[in-house]
Amino acid sequence: MQRDSVFSFKSYKSVMHSWLCGLKRRGQLSRAAEFLNCQRSYLSRVISEKMHITLDHAYQLTQFWKLPETDRDYFLAMVEFERAVNSQYQKLLLRRLEDMRKNQESIAERTSRQALPVAMHDISYFSSWVQSAIHFLTAIPKFQNVESIAERLGLSKENVRFFLHQL
């Protein structure tokens, strides 16, 4: 079953409730408690009361869910934020959470790929339907000469020769 992204939550307790107790999550709370080597009632109380999960258990939960590093760090920062008592520390953690959320929303940050360089011949090829049409027609046996292509596309033979040379 697909679950919502951890970045769509503002509270670690909401994550826990959704992923352990949500619809079609039967048995998840018990499996998580077994994985964490703790009582099921402890996790239930963390979700439903003002009790907080320990950072060790929070880390183990990220392992149970098999979260990628960025998701894990976000979840742990949410736990830290909600457990924090000092208001300055909370502000620091809140800024960190917002930065992490913004980075996740940025496509460039999520995909570690560089932009592909666009060669001039690529621009030329995709700038008009003619080159791709000629290209596709050459794959058909009866369009293996300039005359048949020109006739089929309604182009001059000189234009077809020019584009064939480009290909």
C-alpha atoms as a PDB file:
ATOM      1  CA  MET A   1       0.000   0.000   0.000  1.00  0.00           C
ATOM      2  CA  GLN A   2       1.298   3.414  -1.005  1.00  0.00           C
ATOM      3  CA  ARG A   3       1.757   5.916   1.774  1.00  0.00           C
ATOM      4  CA  ASP A   4       1.913   9.710   1.722  1.00  0.00           C
ATOM      5  CA  SER A   5       5.315  11.346   1.610  1.00  0.00           C
ATOM      6  CA  VAL A   6       6.776  12.156   5.009  1.00  0.00           C
ATOM      7  CA  PHE A   7       7.200  15.732   3.710  1.00  0.00           C
ATOM      8  CA  SER A   8       3.429  16.147   3.489  1.00  0.00           C
ATOM      9  CA  PHE A   9       3.186  15.966   7.293  1.00  0.00           C
ATOM     10  CA  LYS A  10       3.836  18.684   9.868  1.00  0.00           C
ATOM     11  CA  SER A  11       3.955  16.338  12.886  1.00  0.00           C
ATOM     12  CA  TYR A  12       5.729  13.062  13.456  1.00  0.00           C
ATOM     13  CA  LYS A  13       2.669  11.802  15.323  1.00  0.00           C
ATOM     14  CA  SER A  14       0.578  12.339  12.188  1.00  0.00           C
ATOM     15  CA  VAL A  15       3.082  10.257  10.245  1.00  0.00           C
ATOM     16  CA  MET A  16       2.939   7.506  12.828  1.00  0.00           C
ATOM     17  CA  HIS A  17      -0.854   7.553  12.923  1.00  0.00           C
ATOM     18  CA  SER A  18      -1.181   7.472   9.143  1.00  0.00           C
ATOM     19  CA  TRP A  19       1.486   4.833   8.536  1.00  0.00           C
ATOM     20  CA  LEU A  20       0.786   2.602  11.520  1.00  0.00           C
ATOM     21  CA  CYS A  21      -2.931   3.015  12.213  1.00  0.00           C
ATOM     22  CA  GLY A  22      -4.402   4.405   8.983  1.00  0.00           C
ATOM     23  CA  LEU A  23      -6.833   2.664   6.660  1.00  0.00           C
ATOM     24  CA  LYS A  24      -5.616  -0.732   5.471  1.00  0.00           C
ATOM     25  CA  ARG A  25      -2.739  -0.678   7.981  1.00  0.00           C
ATOM     26  CA  ARG A  26      -3.995  -3.595  10.031  1.00  0.00           C
ATOM     27  CA  GLY A  27      -1.194  -5.115  12.089  1.00  0.00           C
ATOM     28  CA  GLN A  28       1.354  -2.402  11.313  1.00  0.00           C
ATOM     29  CA  LEU A  29       1.394  -1.061  14.859  1.00  0.00           C
ATOM     30  CA  SER A  30       2.096  -4.551  16.256  1.00  0.00           C
ATOM     31  CA  ARG A  31       4.811  -5.219  13.661  1.00  0.00           C
ATOM     32  CA  ALA A  32       6.447  -1.856  14.412  1.00  0.00           C
ATOM     33  CA  ALA A  33       6.353  -2.532  18.176  1.00  0.00           C
ATOM     34  CA  GLU A  34       7.956  -5.918  17.611  1.00  0.00           C
ATOM     35  CA  PHE A  35      10.638  -4.348  15.389  1.00  0.00           C
ATOM     36  CA  LEU A  36      11.328  -1.666  18.034  1.00  0.00           C
ATOM     37  CA  ASN A  37      11.266  -4.271  20.812  1.00  0.00           C
ATOM     38  CA  CYS A  38       8.699  -2.257  22.760  1.00  0.00           C
ATOM     39  CA  GLN A  39       5.085  -2.586  23.836  1.00  0.00           C
ATOM     40  CA  ARG A  40       2.345  -1.900  21.313  1.00  0.00           C
ATOM     41  CA  SER A  41       0.628   0.210  23.985  1.00  0.00           C
ATOM     42  CA  TYR A  42       3.709   2.473  24.128  1.00  0.00           C
ATOM     43  CA  LEU A  43       3.351   3.341  20.438  1.00  0.00           C
ATOM     44  CA  SER A  44      -0.407   3.796  20.838  1.00  0.00           C
ATOM     45  CA  ARG A  45       0.167   6.208  23.705  1.00  0.00           C
ATOM     46  CA  VAL A  46       2.774   8.153  21.719  1.00  0.00           C
ATOM     47  CA  ILE A  47       0.292   8.569  18.872  1.00  0.00           C
ATOM     48  CA  SER A  48      -2.751   9.450  20.969  1.00  0.00           C
ATOM     49  CA  GLU A  49      -1.360  11.265  24.020  1.00  0.00           C
ATOM     50  CA  LYS A  50       1.100  13.997  24.898  1.00  0.00           C
ATOM     51  CA  MET A  51       3.800  11.393  25.327  1.00  0.00           C
ATOM     52  CA  HIS A  52       6.806  11.570  22.961  1.00  0.00           C
ATOM     53  CA  ILE A  53       8.732   8.814  21.284  1.00  0.00           C
ATOM     54  CA  THR A  54      12.415   8.506  22.128  1.00  0.00           C
ATOM     55  CA  LEU A  55      14.903   9.504  19.444  1.00  0.00           C
ATOM     56  CA  ASP A  56      16.265   5.951  19.427  1.00  0.00           C
ATOM     57  CA  HIS A  57      12.818   4.514  18.748  1.00  0.00           C
ATOM     58  CA  ALA A  58      12.168   7.212  16.126  1.00  0.00           C
ATOM     59  CA  TYR A  59      15.366   6.206  14.336  1.00  0.00           C
ATOM     60  CA  GLN A  60      14.399   2.538  14.505  1.00  0.00           C
ATOM     61  CA  LEU A  61      10.984   3.403  13.046  1.00  0.00           C
ATOM     62  CA  THR A  62      12.686   4.985  10.034  1.00  0.00           C
ATOM     63  CA  GLN A  63      14.520   1.689   9.575  1.00  0.00           C
ATOM     64  CA  PHE A  64      11.263  -0.241   9.933  1.00  0.00           C
ATOM     65  CA  TRP A  65       9.718   1.937   7.210  1.00  0.00           C
ATOM     66  CA  LYS A  66      12.916   1.707   5.126  1.00  0.00           C
ATOM     67  CA  LEU A  67      12.970   5.461   4.595  1.00  0.00           C
ATOM     68  CA  PRO A  68      15.544   7.055   2.317  1.00  0.00           C
ATOM     69  CA  GLU A  69      18.054   9.345   4.009  1.00  0.00           C
ATOM     70  CA  THR A  70      16.232  12.625   3.289  1.00  0.00           C
ATOM     71  CA  ASP A  71      12.914  11.256   4.583  1.00  0.00           C
ATOM     72  CA  ARG A  72      14.623   9.793   7.637  1.00  0.00           C
ATOM     73  CA  ASP A  73      16.304  13.084   8.478  1.00  0.00           C
ATOM     74  CA  TYR A  74      13.023  14.974   8.092  1.00  0.00           C
ATOM     75  CA  PHE A  75      11.143  12.558  10.353  1.00  0.00           C
ATOM     76  CA  LEU A  76      13.863  12.722  13.015  1.00  0.00           C
ATOM     77  CA  ALA A  77      13.904  16.530  12.828  1.00  0.00           C
ATOM     78  CA  MET A  78      10.119  16.546  13.389  1.00  0.00           C
ATOM     79  CA  VAL A  79      10.584  14.365  16.470  1.00  0.00           C
ATOM     80  CA  GLU A  80      13.350  16.603  17.745  1.00  0.00           C
ATOM     81  CA  PHE A  81      11.237  19.713  17.132  1.00  0.00           C
ATOM     82  CA  GLU A  82       8.229  18.367  18.998  1.00  0.00           C
ATOM     83  CA  ARG A  83      10.371  17.152  21.894  1.00  0.00           C
ATOM     84  CA  ALA A  84      12.319  20.420  22.193  1.00  0.00           C
ATOM     85  CA  VAL A  85      11.551  22.669  25.165  1.00  0.00           C
ATOM     86  CA  ASN A  86      13.806  25.651  24.442  1.00  0.00           C
ATOM     87  CA  SER A  87      12.039  28.135  22.141  1.00  0.00           C
ATOM     88  CA  GLN A  88      15.254  29.190  20.364  1.00  0.00           C
ATOM     89  CA  TYR A  89      16.096  25.573  19.658  1.00  0.00           C
ATOM     90  CA  GLN A  90      12.550  25.035  18.365  1.00  0.00           C
ATOM     91  CA  LYS A  91      12.968  28.007  15.987  1.00  0.00           C
ATOM     92  CA  LEU A  92      16.225  26.549  14.716  1.00  0.00           C
ATOM     93  CA  LEU A  93      14.594  23.171  14.140  1.00  0.00           C
ATOM     94  CA  LEU A  94      11.569  24.777  12.477  1.00  0.00           C
ATOM     95  CA  ARG A  95      13.858  26.579   9.996  1.00  0.00           C
ATOM     96  CA  ARG A  96      15.659  23.294   9.338  1.00  0.00           C
ATOM     97  CA  LEU A  97      12.332  21.529   8.674  1.00  0.00           C
ATOM     98  CA  GLU A  98      11.217  24.286   6.301  1.00  0.00           C
ATOM     99  CA  ASP A  99      14.530  24.112   4.425  1.00  0.00           C
ATOM    100  CA  MET A 100      14.258  20.355   4.134  1.00  0.00           C
ATOM    101  CA  ARG A 101      10.694  20.653   2.823  1.00  0.00           C
ATOM    102  CA  LYS A 102      11.706  23.301   0.263  1.00  0.00           C
ATOM    103  CA  ASN A 103      14.633  21.198  -0.914  1.00  0.00           C
ATOM    104  CA  GLN A 104      12.334  18.232  -1.358  1.00  0.00           C
ATOM    105  CA  GLU A 105       9.885  20.307  -3.378  1.00  0.00           C
ATOM    106  CA  SER A 106      12.637  21.484  -5.681  1.00  0.00           C
ATOM    107  CA  ILE A 107      12.854  19.126  -8.634  1.00  0.00           C
ATOM    108  CA  ALA A 108      16.481  20.023  -9.167  1.00  0.00           C
ATOM    109  CA  GLU A 109      17.326  18.957  -5.628  1.00  0.00           C
ATOM    110  CA  ARG A 110      15.361  15.700  -5.854  1.00  0.00           C
ATOM    111  CA  THR A 111      16.902  14.654  -9.137  1.00  0.00           C
ATOM    112  CA  SER A 112      20.643  14.631  -8.955  1.00  0.00           C
ATOM    113  CA  ARG A 113      20.883  14.806 -12.733  1.00  0.00           C
ATOM    114  CA  GLN A 114      22.386  17.712 -14.597  1.00  0.00           C
ATOM    115  CA  ALA A 115      20.485  19.345 -17.444  1.00  0.00           C
ATOM    116  CA  LEU A 116      21.287  17.665 -20.722  1.00  0.00           C
ATOM    117  CA  PRO A 117      23.170  19.811 -23.210  1.00  0.00           C
ATOM    118  CA  VAL A 118      21.098  20.464 -26.298  1.00  0.00           C
ATOM    119  CA  ALA A 119      23.064  20.101 -29.499  1.00  0.00           C
ATOM    120  CA  MET A 120      22.244  22.277 -32.477  1.00  0.00           C
ATOM    121  CA  HIS A 121      21.291  19.251 -34.571  1.00  0.00           C
ATOM    122  CA  ASP A 122      18.729  18.272 -31.904  1.00  0.00           C
ATOM    123  CA  ILE A 123      17.180  21.721 -32.063  1.00  0.00           C
ATOM    124  CA  SER A 124      17.079  21.533 -35.842  1.00  0.00           C
ATOM    125  CA  TYR A 125      15.567  18.044 -35.829  1.00  0.00           C
ATOM    126  CA  PHE A 126      12.719  18.931 -33.476  1.00  0.00           C
ATOM    127  CA  SER A 127      12.058  22.424 -34.820  1.00  0.00           C
ATOM    128  CA  SER A 128      10.002  21.154 -37.755  1.00  0.00           C
ATOM    129  CA  TRP A 129       7.841  18.159 -38.547  1.00  0.00           C
ATOM    130  CA  VAL A 130       9.643  17.663 -41.862  1.00  0.00           C
ATOM    131  CA  GLN A 131      12.837  16.085 -40.560  1.00  0.00           C
ATOM    132  CA  SER A 132      11.102  13.605 -38.312  1.00  0.00           C
ATOM    133  CA  ALA A 133       8.580  12.741 -41.043  1.00  0.00           C
ATOM    134  CA  ILE A 134      11.394  12.046 -43.504  1.00  0.00           C
ATOM    135  CA  HIS A 135      13.228  10.080 -40.846  1.00  0.00           C
ATOM    136  CA  PHE A 136      10.202   7.848 -40.189  1.00  0.00           C
ATOM    137  CA  LEU A 137       9.437   7.372 -43.886  1.00  0.00           C
ATOM    138  CA  THR A 138      12.960   6.098 -44.580  1.00  0.00           C
ATOM    139  CA  ALA A 139      12.174   3.095 -42.382  1.00  0.00           C
ATOM    140  CA  ILE A 140       9.502   1.999 -44.875  1.00  0.00           C
ATOM    141  CA  PRO A 141      10.832   0.036 -47.868  1.00  0.00           C
ATOM    142  CA  LYS A 142       8.846   1.904 -50.545  1.00  0.00           C
ATOM    143  CA  PHE A 143      10.224   5.271 -49.353  1.00  0.00           C
ATOM    144  CA  GLN A 144      13.894   4.626 -49.965  1.00  0.00           C
ATOM    145  CA  ASN A 145      14.398   7.351 -52.556  1.00  0.00           C
ATOM    146  CA  VAL A 146      14.055  11.129 -52.737  1.00  0.00           C
ATOM    147  CA  GLU A 147      11.247  11.054 -55.300  1.00  0.00           C
ATOM    148  CA  SER A 148       8.878   8.842 -53.293  1.00  0.00           C
ATOM    149  CA  ILE A 149       9.452  10.819 -50.077  1.00  0.00           C
ATOM    150  CA  ALA A 150       8.960  14.160 -51.829  1.00  0.00           C
ATOM    151  CA  GLU A 151       5.750  12.943 -53.436  1.00  0.00           C
ATOM    152  CA  ARG A 152       4.360  11.501 -50.183  1.00  0.00           C
ATOM    153  CA  LEU A 153       5.062  14.629 -48.135  1.00  0.00           C
ATOM    154  CA  GLY A 154       4.305  17.147 -50.881  1.00  0.00           C
ATOM    155  CA  LEU A 155       7.782  18.665 -50.711  1.00  0.00           C
ATOM    156  CA  SER A 156      10.294  19.596 -53.391  1.00  0.00           C
ATOM    157  CA  LYS A 157      13.063  17.110 -54.121  1.00  0.00           C
ATOM    158  CA  GLU A 158      15.634  19.753 -53.142  1.00  0.00           C
ATOM    159  CA  ASN A 159      14.066  20.134 -49.674  1.00  0.00           C
ATOM    160  CA  VAL A 160      13.999  16.378 -49.170  1.00  0.00           C
ATOM    161  CA  ARG A 161      17.674  16.111 -50.234  1.00  0.00           C
ATOM    162  CA  PHE A 162      18.591  18.927 -47.849  1.00  0.00           C
ATOM    163  CA  PHE A 163      16.853  17.261 -44.885  1.00  0.00           C
ATOM    164  CA  LEU A 164      18.206  13.815 -45.737  1.00  0.00           C
ATOM    165  CA  HIS A 165      21.676  15.336 -45.732  1.00  0.00           C
ATOM    166  CA  GLN A 166      20.931  16.812 -42.259  1.00  0.00           C
ATOM    167  CA  LEU A 167      19.934  13.369 -40.980  1.00  0.00           C
END
